[in-house]
Amino acid sequence: FLPILASLAATLGPKLLCLITKKC
């Protein structure tokens, strides 16, 4: 697992959840 992908998932994951659940 690439560190770059890990960092991307860590930064984009919460944002995607925020947009999907509309709980920002």
PDB file of N, CA and C in Angstrom:
ATOM      1  N   PHE A   1       0.856  -1.205   0.000  1.00  0.00           N
ATOM      2  CA  PHE A   1       0.000   0.000   0.000  1.00  0.00           C
ATOM      3  C   PHE A   1       0.883   1.242   0.000  1.00  0.00           C
ATOM      4  N   LEU A   2       0.671   2.106  -0.956  1.00  0.00           N
ATOM      5  CA  LEU A   2       1.530   3.282  -1.100  1.00  0.00           C
ATOM      6  C   LEU A   2       1.181   4.355  -0.075  1.00  0.00           C
ATOM      7  N   PRO A   3       2.201   4.983   0.503  1.00  0.00           N
ATOM      8  CA  PRO A   3       1.996   6.070   1.482  1.00  0.00           C
ATOM      9  C   PRO A   3       1.171   7.215   0.899  1.00  0.00           C
ATOM     10  N   ILE A   4       1.381   7.475  -0.399  1.00  0.00           N
ATOM     11  CA  ILE A   4       0.634   8.565  -1.044  1.00  0.00           C
ATOM     12  C   ILE A   4      -0.861   8.256  -1.049  1.00  0.00           C
ATOM     13  N   LEU A   5      -1.191   7.015  -1.379  1.00  0.00           N
ATOM     14  CA  LEU A   5      -2.600   6.621  -1.385  1.00  0.00           C
ATOM     15  C   LEU A   5      -3.180   6.666   0.017  1.00  0.00           C
ATOM     16  N   ALA A   6      -2.360   6.293   0.993  1.00  0.00           N
ATOM     17  CA  ALA A   6      -2.818   6.306   2.382  1.00  0.00           C
ATOM     18  C   ALA A   6      -3.138   7.728   2.820  1.00  0.00           C
ATOM     19  N   SER A   7      -2.273   8.665   2.454  1.00  0.00           N
ATOM     20  CA  SER A   7      -2.501  10.057   2.837  1.00  0.00           C
ATOM     21  C   SER A   7      -3.715  10.627   2.107  1.00  0.00           C
ATOM     22  N   LEU A   8      -3.881  10.222   0.854  1.00  0.00           N
ATOM     23  CA  LEU A   8      -5.039  10.689   0.094  1.00  0.00           C
ATOM     24  C   LEU A   8      -6.332  10.180   0.714  1.00  0.00           C
ATOM     25  N   ALA A   9      -6.339   8.914   1.091  1.00  0.00           N
ATOM     26  CA  ALA A   9      -7.526   8.330   1.705  1.00  0.00           C
ATOM     27  C   ALA A   9      -7.826   9.011   3.033  1.00  0.00           C
ATOM     28  N   ALA A  10      -6.760   9.362   3.767  1.00  0.00           N
ATOM     29  CA  ALA A  10      -6.939   9.992   5.075  1.00  0.00           C
ATOM     30  C   ALA A  10      -7.524  11.393   4.924  1.00  0.00           C
ATOM     31  N   THR A  11      -7.177  12.080   3.836  1.00  0.00           N
ATOM     32  CA  THR A  11      -7.656  13.449   3.664  1.00  0.00           C
ATOM     33  C   THR A  11      -9.002  13.497   2.950  1.00  0.00           C
ATOM     34  N   LEU A  12      -9.195  12.618   1.963  1.00  0.00           N
ATOM     35  CA  LEU A  12     -10.421  12.652   1.174  1.00  0.00           C
ATOM     36  C   LEU A  12     -11.556  11.870   1.821  1.00  0.00           C
ATOM     37  N   GLY A  13     -11.215  10.856   2.609  1.00  0.00           N
ATOM     38  CA  GLY A  13     -12.235  10.027   3.243  1.00  0.00           C
ATOM     39  C   GLY A  13     -13.236  10.833   4.056  1.00  0.00           C
ATOM     40  N   PRO A  14     -12.748  11.603   5.047  1.00  0.00           N
ATOM     41  CA  PRO A  14     -13.639  12.419   5.880  1.00  0.00           C
ATOM     42  C   PRO A  14     -14.452  13.419   5.054  1.00  0.00           C
ATOM     43  N   LYS A  15     -13.847  13.990   4.017  1.00  0.00           N
ATOM     44  CA  LYS A  15     -14.564  14.962   3.182  1.00  0.00           C
ATOM     45  C   LYS A  15     -15.700  14.286   2.428  1.00  0.00           C
ATOM     46  N   LEU A  16     -15.437  13.081   1.919  1.00  0.00           N
ATOM     47  CA  LEU A  16     -16.475  12.348   1.200  1.00  0.00           C
ATOM     48  C   LEU A  16     -17.617  11.981   2.135  1.00  0.00           C
ATOM     49  N   LEU A  17     -17.274  11.518   3.338  1.00  0.00           N
ATOM     50  CA  LEU A  17     -18.296  11.184   4.326  1.00  0.00           C
ATOM     51  C   LEU A  17     -19.114  12.416   4.665  1.00  0.00           C
ATOM     52  N   CYS A  18     -18.430  13.551   4.786  1.00  0.00           N
ATOM     53  CA  CYS A  18     -19.094  14.807   5.101  1.00  0.00           C
ATOM     54  C   CYS A  18     -20.100  15.156   4.015  1.00  0.00           C
ATOM     55  N   LEU A  19     -19.689  15.026   2.762  1.00  0.00           N
ATOM     56  CA  LEU A  19     -20.577  15.373   1.651  1.00  0.00           C
ATOM     57  C   LEU A  19     -21.739  14.397   1.542  1.00  0.00           C
ATOM     58  N   ILE A  20     -21.452  13.116   1.751  1.00  0.00           N
ATOM     59  CA  ILE A  20     -22.487  12.089   1.591  1.00  0.00           C
ATOM     60  C   ILE A  20     -23.533  12.182   2.700  1.00  0.00           C
ATOM     61  N   THR A  21     -23.066  12.355   3.946  1.00  0.00           N
ATOM     62  CA  THR A  21     -23.995  12.347   5.075  1.00  0.00           C
ATOM     63  C   THR A  21     -24.532  13.732   5.374  1.00  0.00           C
ATOM     64  N   LYS A  22     -23.940  14.756   4.746  1.00  0.00           N
ATOM     65  CA  LYS A  22     -24.341  16.152   4.954  1.00  0.00           C
ATOM     66  C   LYS A  22     -24.186  16.560   6.410  1.00  0.00           C
ATOM     67  N   LYS A  23     -23.206  15.926   7.103  1.00  0.00           N
ATOM     68  CA  LYS A  23     -22.945  16.273   8.503  1.00  0.00           C
ATOM     69  C   LYS A  23     -21.545  16.858   8.591  1.00  0.00           C
ATOM     70  N   CYS A  24     -21.408  18.127   8.204  1.00  0.00           N
ATOM     71  CA  CYS A  24     -20.092  18.747   8.162  1.00  0.00           C
ATOM     72  C   CYS A  24     -19.776  19.484   9.476  1.00  0.00           C
TER      73      CYS A  24
END
